[in-house]
Amino acid sequence: MTLMEKVYDQLHEHSLVETAEEFSRDWCWRSKSWFAVQKNKKGDFSIPVAINCLNAVKVKIAMAHLKRKKLGNLVDSDIRILSEVRSMLEEHLLEQHRIAAVAETETVVAKMLGNQ
């Protein structure tokens, strides 16, 4: 199973993403058919897509922490799952591509929040 499939399955299993199309668009910043095409050709994350997904996860973790202030412990499981996914992506980038860190920029955050 590819990392892409593991990430999607983890998010889907915990209801953080509903469909592969949503995962493609909102988490990987690709066309809605991207996941299906990659899965069919047994592809995995490219470096840019892994970074896109990692940035999406980081933003969603930050948003979950903000929700936690209002909802309390209800979002702790989301934070835990998202943190596990973040670790998987960071480990992949380090081990497979020798990328030790990915910096967030205002543009990335604005894009994730729909301000751009």
Protein backbone atom coordinates (compact mmCIF):
# COMPACT_ATOMS: atom_id res chain seq x y z
CA MET A 1 0.00 0.00 0.00
CA THR A 2 1.40 3.41 -0.93
CA LEU A 3 1.79 6.26 1.54
CA MET A 4 -0.88 8.16 -0.39
CA GLU A 5 -3.35 5.31 0.22
CA LYS A 6 -2.35 5.02 3.88
CA VAL A 7 -2.88 8.74 4.44
CA TYR A 8 -6.23 8.71 2.66
CA ASP A 9 -7.39 5.59 4.52
CA GLN A 10 -6.39 7.06 7.88
CA LEU A 11 -8.23 10.32 7.20
CA HIS A 12 -11.26 8.57 5.73
CA GLU A 13 -11.48 6.01 8.54
CA HIS A 14 -11.68 8.84 11.07
CA SER A 15 -14.14 10.91 9.02
CA LEU A 16 -11.68 13.72 8.35
CA VAL A 17 -12.21 13.30 4.61
CA GLU A 18 -15.33 11.93 2.93
CA THR A 19 -14.21 11.09 -0.60
CA ALA A 20 -11.10 10.58 -2.69
CA GLU A 21 -12.16 13.60 -4.73
CA GLU A 22 -12.19 15.77 -1.60
CA PHE A 23 -8.78 14.39 -0.62
CA SER A 24 -7.40 15.21 -4.06
CA ARG A 25 -8.78 18.75 -4.13
CA ASP A 26 -8.69 19.94 -0.54
CA TRP A 27 -5.72 18.08 0.90
CA CYS A 28 -3.40 17.62 -2.10
CA TRP A 29 -4.42 20.66 -4.17
CA ARG A 30 -4.90 18.58 -7.30
CA SER A 31 -7.79 17.81 -9.63
CA LYS A 32 -10.63 15.72 -8.21
CA SER A 33 -9.50 12.68 -10.22
CA TRP A 34 -5.86 12.84 -9.08
CA PHE A 35 -6.16 10.17 -6.36
CA ALA A 36 -7.96 7.72 -8.66
CA VAL A 37 -5.36 8.16 -11.40
CA GLN A 38 -2.45 7.75 -8.97
CA LYS A 39 -4.02 4.67 -7.40
CA ASN A 40 -4.74 3.10 -10.80
CA LYS A 41 -1.15 3.52 -11.96
CA LYS A 42 0.17 2.53 -8.50
CA GLY A 43 1.64 5.99 -8.05
CA ASP A 44 2.37 7.77 -4.83
CA PHE A 45 2.96 11.31 -3.60
CA SER A 46 5.39 13.39 -5.60
CA ILE A 47 7.44 15.84 -3.54
CA PRO A 48 5.16 18.83 -4.28
CA VAL A 49 1.99 16.86 -3.51
CA ALA A 50 3.42 15.46 -0.28
CA ILE A 51 4.31 19.01 0.75
CA ASN A 52 0.83 20.24 -0.21
CA CYS A 53 -0.76 17.50 1.88
CA LEU A 54 1.60 18.16 4.79
CA ASN A 55 0.74 21.87 4.71
CA ALA A 56 -2.98 21.04 4.63
CA VAL A 57 -2.54 18.76 7.64
CA LYS A 58 -0.65 21.46 9.56
CA VAL A 59 -3.38 24.01 8.91
CA LYS A 60 -6.08 21.54 9.95
CA ILE A 61 -4.16 20.79 13.16
CA ALA A 62 -4.00 24.51 13.92
CA MET A 63 -7.73 24.86 13.21
CA ALA A 64 -8.47 21.87 15.47
CA HIS A 65 -6.53 23.51 18.29
CA LEU A 66 -8.66 26.63 17.86
CA LYS A 67 -11.81 24.50 17.95
CA ARG A 68 -10.51 22.79 21.08
CA LYS A 69 -10.77 26.08 22.95
CA LYS A 70 -14.52 26.06 22.29
CA LEU A 71 -15.31 22.34 22.19
CA GLY A 72 -12.84 20.99 24.71
CA ASN A 73 -11.67 17.38 24.39
CA LEU A 74 -14.05 16.57 21.52
CA VAL A 75 -11.40 17.36 18.91
CA ASP A 76 -8.52 15.57 20.64
CA SER A 77 -8.93 12.46 18.48
CA ASP A 78 -8.81 14.60 15.32
CA ILE A 79 -5.63 16.27 16.56
CA ARG A 80 -4.10 12.87 17.33
CA ILE A 81 -4.93 11.43 13.88
CA LEU A 82 -3.77 14.56 12.07
CA SER A 83 -0.52 14.51 14.07
CA GLU A 84 0.05 10.87 13.07
CA VAL A 85 -0.52 11.77 9.40
CA ARG A 86 1.85 14.74 9.74
CA SER A 87 4.52 12.41 11.13
CA MET A 88 4.02 9.93 8.29
CA LEU A 89 4.43 12.68 5.68
CA GLU A 90 7.44 14.26 7.40
CA GLU A 91 9.11 10.85 7.72
CA HIS A 92 8.45 10.13 4.03
CA LEU A 93 9.91 13.46 2.94
CA LEU A 94 12.98 12.96 5.12
CA GLU A 95 13.69 9.33 4.30
CA GLN A 96 12.77 9.31 0.62
CA HIS A 97 13.77 12.83 -0.42
CA ARG A 98 16.07 14.16 2.34
CA ILE A 99 13.71 17.05 3.07
CA ALA A 100 14.04 17.73 6.78
CA ALA A 101 11.56 20.60 7.14
CA VAL A 102 8.86 22.41 5.22
CA ALA A 103 8.33 26.08 6.02
CA GLU A 104 4.85 27.52 6.11
CA THR A 105 4.24 30.73 4.24
CA GLU A 106 1.41 33.22 4.46
CA THR A 107 0.39 32.19 0.94
CA VAL A 108 -0.03 28.55 1.99
CA VAL A 109 -2.15 29.47 5.00
CA ALA A 110 -4.26 31.90 2.94
CA LYS A 111 -4.83 29.23 0.28
CA MET A 112 -5.85 26.65 2.88
CA LEU A 113 -8.24 29.07 4.53
CA GLY A 114 -9.76 30.01 1.17
CA ASN A 115 -8.57 33.61 1.29
CA GLN A 116 -6.83 33.52 -2.06
